[in-house]
């Protein structure tokens, strides 16, 4: 049902999960633990799946909070159950009993915790968000809540890995134009003028450049492991009309 970061699991007073697709009630192309409120899955199935996730984290079902994700750089702070989901791609809290969460299906879920300051966060970091600053804004928001950057542990969960992530020449040009050193995140592809992008490598480097000293990468690929993970790109390649969403969440006990 879930995988965990050893570094986050070792922290006192923190509970977290990178939920897999195993252990849910959804059927068909969504089979398993689909937590995607934005999917076209049966709403009752999604609600039951999310309730199971909340239970695993020890919070009430309505306290598992995901924003309305738009591939933005924005992080919001939350201290109670919100009446309407804000548009953002990261959530932070210093309130026990609130599980801040993100939904993903190839993009990078990054969970953050400062166990000493009692502040946690969750970020949805696809290439657009990671380049655009969602990791930066999550750290800034956590600092506003009392966290210290040097004490924060960050964990990169299941996401699309370099062998599965082919991109076109314009992608390479745009990213290297921002910083030529970014060329190190690309490997040759079998297709002419294309490359394979190392999203988790880019996320880790970005975090380290931002002063995060403790980064844990679980090394899991959503695209290649269909039994455990949903994947937007895999669903697209298979011609499926929609796809399930994975949930990554963290809470203060």
Protein backbone atom coordinates (compact mmCIF):
# COMPACT_ATOMS: atom_id res chain seq x y z
CA UNK A 1 0.00 0.00 0.00
CA UNK A 2 2.89 2.39 0.64
CA UNK A 3 6.62 2.89 0.52
CA UNK A 4 8.59 5.05 2.92
CA UNK A 5 11.76 7.08 3.05
CA UNK A 6 14.19 5.63 5.63
CA UNK A 7 15.37 9.16 6.48
CA UNK A 8 11.86 10.46 7.12
CA UNK A 9 10.84 7.28 8.94
CA UNK A 10 13.71 7.80 11.38
CA UNK A 11 12.41 11.20 12.47
CA UNK A 12 10.41 11.43 15.73
CA UNK A 13 6.84 12.70 15.58
CA UNK A 14 6.51 12.37 11.80
CA UNK A 15 4.34 9.96 9.82
CA UNK A 16 4.49 9.80 6.02
CA UNK A 17 3.72 7.62 3.02
CA UNK A 18 4.30 7.44 -0.70
CA UNK A 19 1.19 5.42 -1.46
CA UNK A 20 1.30 2.84 -4.24
CA UNK A 21 -1.74 1.72 -6.26
CA UNK A 22 -2.03 -1.42 -4.15
CA UNK A 23 -4.83 -1.88 -1.62
CA UNK A 24 -7.65 0.18 -3.10
CA UNK A 25 -11.15 -0.34 -4.47
CA UNK A 26 -10.95 1.32 -7.90
CA UNK A 27 -11.46 -0.78 -11.02
CA UNK A 28 -10.49 -0.92 -14.67
CA UNK A 29 -7.71 1.46 -15.74
CA UNK A 30 -7.78 2.91 -12.22
CA UNK A 31 -7.48 -0.49 -10.55
CA UNK A 32 -6.22 -0.10 -7.01
CA UNK A 33 -5.69 2.86 -4.70
CA UNK A 34 -6.47 5.79 -6.99
CA UNK A 35 -6.44 9.01 -4.98
CA UNK A 36 -7.03 11.34 -7.90
CA UNK A 37 -9.97 13.67 -7.34
CA UNK A 38 -9.19 15.04 -10.80
CA UNK A 39 -9.52 11.65 -12.47
CA UNK A 40 -12.72 10.37 -14.06
CA UNK A 41 -12.87 7.45 -11.66
CA UNK A 42 -16.00 6.74 -9.58
CA UNK A 43 -16.04 9.45 -6.88
CA UNK A 44 -17.09 6.96 -4.21
CA UNK A 45 -14.10 4.77 -5.03
CA UNK A 46 -11.71 7.72 -4.82
CA UNK A 47 -13.23 8.79 -1.51
CA UNK A 48 -12.84 5.29 -0.07
CA UNK A 49 -9.25 5.08 -1.30
CA UNK A 50 -8.38 8.43 0.26
CA UNK A 51 -10.07 7.41 3.52
CA UNK A 52 -7.84 4.34 3.62
CA UNK A 53 -4.78 6.52 3.09
CA UNK A 54 -5.87 8.91 5.82
CA UNK A 55 -6.37 5.96 8.16
CA UNK A 56 -2.87 4.69 7.44
CA UNK A 57 -1.53 8.11 8.42
CA UNK A 58 -3.70 8.35 11.53
CA UNK A 59 -5.71 11.39 10.42
CA UNK A 60 -9.39 11.98 9.66
CA UNK A 61 -10.43 11.48 6.02
CA UNK A 62 -11.13 15.20 5.52
CA UNK A 63 -7.68 16.06 6.92
CA UNK A 64 -5.80 14.51 3.99
CA UNK A 65 -5.32 17.73 2.02
CA UNK A 66 -4.25 18.06 -1.61
CA UNK A 67 -4.37 21.37 -3.47
CA UNK A 68 -5.75 21.90 -6.97
CA UNK A 69 -2.48 21.31 -8.80
CA UNK A 70 -1.67 23.44 -11.86
CA UNK A 71 2.12 22.91 -12.31
CA UNK A 72 2.74 26.21 -10.52
CA UNK A 73 5.63 27.28 -8.24
CA UNK A 74 3.22 28.06 -5.41
CA UNK A 75 3.11 26.62 -1.90
CA UNK A 76 0.29 27.32 0.56
CA UNK A 77 0.29 26.95 4.34
CA UNK A 78 -2.63 25.21 6.03
CA UNK A 79 -3.69 24.94 9.68
CA UNK A 80 -7.20 23.52 9.32
CA UNK A 81 -9.40 21.67 6.85
CA UNK A 82 -10.05 24.07 3.97
CA UNK A 83 -13.54 24.59 2.56
CA UNK A 84 -12.22 24.78 -1.00
CA UNK A 85 -8.94 23.57 -2.46
CA UNK A 86 -6.58 26.40 -3.39
CA UNK A 87 -4.69 26.35 -6.69
CA UNK A 88 -1.11 25.45 -5.73
CA UNK A 89 1.43 22.67 -6.11
CA UNK A 90 2.79 22.40 -2.60
CA UNK A 91 1.35 22.46 0.91
CA UNK A 92 3.03 23.02 4.29
CA UNK A 93 1.80 22.86 7.87
CA UNK A 94 2.85 23.06 11.50
CA UNK A 95 -0.50 21.70 12.72
CA UNK A 96 -0.68 18.11 14.01
CA UNK A 97 -3.47 16.00 12.55
CA UNK A 98 -3.29 17.62 9.12
CA UNK A 99 -1.74 15.45 6.40
CA UNK A 100 -0.37 17.65 3.62
CA UNK A 101 -0.30 15.76 0.35
CA UNK A 102 0.24 15.88 -3.39
CA UNK A 103 -1.06 13.68 -6.20
CA UNK A 104 1.25 12.49 -8.96
CA UNK A 105 1.44 10.12 -11.91
CA UNK A 106 5.05 10.59 -13.11
CA UNK A 107 5.90 14.01 -11.65
CA UNK A 108 8.10 14.09 -8.57
CA UNK A 109 6.52 13.90 -5.12
CA UNK A 110 8.84 15.50 -2.57
CA UNK A 111 8.07 15.30 1.15
CA UNK A 112 9.80 17.60 3.65
CA UNK A 113 10.15 17.59 7.42
CA UNK A 114 11.89 19.57 10.13
CA UNK A 115 11.19 17.32 13.10
CA UNK A 116 12.72 19.72 15.61
CA UNK A 117 10.62 22.72 14.51
CA UNK A 118 7.59 20.48 13.87
CA UNK A 119 6.97 21.64 10.29
CA UNK A 120 6.23 19.43 7.27
CA UNK A 121 5.55 19.98 3.59
CA UNK A 122 4.69 18.21 0.35
CA UNK A 123 5.53 19.38 -3.18
CA UNK A 124 4.42 18.27 -6.66
CA UNK A 125 7.58 18.71 -8.71
CA UNK A 126 7.31 17.88 -12.37
CA UNK A 127 9.89 19.48 -14.63
CA UNK A 128 7.84 22.66 -14.91
CA UNK A 129 7.38 23.06 -11.17
CA UNK A 130 10.94 22.08 -10.30
CA UNK A 131 12.38 24.54 -12.83
CA UNK A 132 9.82 27.19 -11.94
CA UNK A 133 10.53 27.19 -8.21
CA UNK A 134 8.03 24.99 -6.36
CA UNK A 135 10.83 23.51 -4.25
CA UNK A 136 12.10 27.00 -3.43
CA UNK A 137 8.67 28.21 -2.35
CA UNK A 138 8.04 25.12 -0.23
CA UNK A 139 11.22 25.72 1.73
CA UNK A 140 10.38 29.41 2.12
CA UNK A 141 6.88 28.61 3.36
CA UNK A 142 8.24 26.07 5.84
CA UNK A 143 10.71 28.67 7.12
CA UNK A 144 7.82 31.09 7.64
CA UNK A 145 6.27 28.39 9.86
CA UNK A 146 9.47 28.10 11.90
CA UNK A 147 11.56 25.48 10.09
CA UNK A 148 15.30 25.81 9.63
CA UNK A 149 16.55 24.84 6.18
CA UNK A 150 19.65 23.08 7.49
CA UNK A 151 17.41 20.80 9.61
CA UNK A 152 14.98 19.85 6.83
CA UNK A 153 14.96 16.30 5.46
CA UNK A 154 13.56 15.94 1.92
CA UNK A 155 12.54 12.67 0.28
CA UNK A 156 11.96 12.12 -3.45
CA UNK A 157 9.34 9.45 -4.01
CA UNK A 158 8.26 7.38 -7.01
CA UNK A 159 8.42 9.33 -10.28
CA UNK A 160 9.37 8.83 -13.90
CA UNK A 161 13.07 7.95 -14.17
CA UNK A 162 15.59 8.78 -16.83
CA UNK A 163 15.36 5.51 -18.83
CA UNK A 164 11.61 6.13 -19.23
CA UNK A 165 11.62 9.90 -19.78
CA UNK A 166 12.37 10.82 -23.38
CA UNK A 167 12.19 14.52 -24.28
CA UNK A 168 12.57 16.50 -27.49
CA UNK A 169 15.31 18.92 -28.56
CA UNK A 170 13.34 22.01 -27.51
CA UNK A 171 13.17 20.72 -23.93
CA UNK A 172 16.94 20.23 -23.87
CA UNK A 173 17.55 23.66 -25.39
CA UNK A 174 15.26 25.44 -22.94
CA UNK A 175 16.72 23.82 -19.83
CA UNK A 176 20.34 24.27 -20.87
CA UNK A 177 19.62 27.89 -21.81
CA UNK A 178 18.73 28.52 -18.17
CA UNK A 179 22.01 26.97 -17.02
CA UNK A 180 24.43 25.14 -19.30
CA UNK A 181 25.35 22.87 -16.37
CA UNK A 182 21.91 21.30 -16.76
CA UNK A 183 23.30 19.32 -19.71
CA UNK A 184 24.41 16.77 -17.12
CA UNK A 185 20.79 15.73 -16.59
CA UNK A 186 20.43 14.43 -20.15
CA UNK A 187 21.53 11.11 -21.66
CA UNK A 188 21.39 10.06 -25.33
CA UNK A 189 18.16 8.56 -26.63
CA UNK A 190 17.80 6.01 -29.41
CA UNK A 191 15.69 8.56 -31.31
CA UNK A 192 17.54 11.26 -33.24
CA UNK A 193 17.58 14.73 -31.65
CA UNK A 194 15.94 13.41 -28.48
CA UNK A 195 17.33 12.78 -25.00
CA UNK A 196 16.51 11.06 -21.72
CA UNK A 197 15.91 13.47 -18.83
CA UNK A 198 16.94 12.76 -15.23
CA UNK A 199 14.12 14.46 -13.31
CA UNK A 200 15.05 13.10 -9.86
CA UNK A 201 18.67 14.09 -10.45
CA UNK A 202 17.54 17.61 -11.29
CA UNK A 203 15.29 17.75 -8.21
CA UNK A 204 18.09 16.53 -5.92
CA UNK A 205 20.55 19.06 -7.35
CA UNK A 206 18.00 21.84 -6.98
CA UNK A 207 17.38 20.90 -3.34
CA UNK A 208 21.09 20.75 -2.57
CA UNK A 209 21.66 24.13 -4.23
CA UNK A 210 18.87 25.50 -2.03
CA UNK A 211 20.71 24.36 1.09
CA UNK A 212 18.87 21.14 1.92
CA UNK A 213 21.57 18.94 3.45
CA UNK A 214 19.56 15.73 3.84
CA UNK A 215 17.98 14.34 0.65
CA UNK A 216 16.66 10.80 0.28
CA UNK A 217 15.81 9.46 -3.20
CA UNK A 218 13.81 6.22 -3.14
CA UNK A 219 14.91 5.31 -6.68
CA UNK A 220 11.48 4.12 -7.86
CA UNK A 221 10.16 4.50 -11.43
CA UNK A 222 6.43 5.02 -11.94
CA UNK A 223 6.58 4.25 -15.67
CA UNK A 224 8.30 0.86 -15.53
CA UNK A 225 6.51 -0.57 -12.46
CA UNK A 226 2.88 -0.90 -13.58
CA UNK A 227 1.97 -3.27 -10.75
CA UNK A 228 2.68 -0.66 -8.09
CA UNK A 229 2.36 2.75 -9.74
CA UNK A 230 0.15 4.79 -12.04
CA UNK A 231 1.87 6.62 -14.90
CA UNK A 232 0.51 9.35 -17.14
CA UNK A 233 3.08 8.65 -19.84
CA UNK A 234 2.51 4.90 -19.78
CA UNK A 235 -1.26 5.42 -20.03
CA UNK A 236 -0.70 7.77 -22.98
CA UNK A 237 1.55 5.27 -24.76
CA UNK A 238 -1.09 2.57 -24.23
CA UNK A 239 -3.84 4.79 -25.61
CA UNK A 240 -5.84 4.75 -22.36
CA UNK A 241 -8.36 7.59 -21.87
CA UNK A 242 -7.32 8.48 -18.32
CA UNK A 243 -5.04 7.35 -15.49
CA UNK A 244 -4.98 7.00 -11.72
CA UNK A 245 -3.08 9.25 -9.35
CA UNK A 246 -0.71 8.32 -6.56
CA UNK A 247 -0.73 10.23 -3.27
CA UNK A 248 2.30 11.25 -1.22
CA UNK A 249 1.53 12.64 2.22
CA UNK A 250 3.15 13.63 5.49
CA UNK A 251 1.76 14.58 8.89
CA UNK A 252 2.81 15.56 12.40
CA UNK A 253 1.86 13.00 15.01
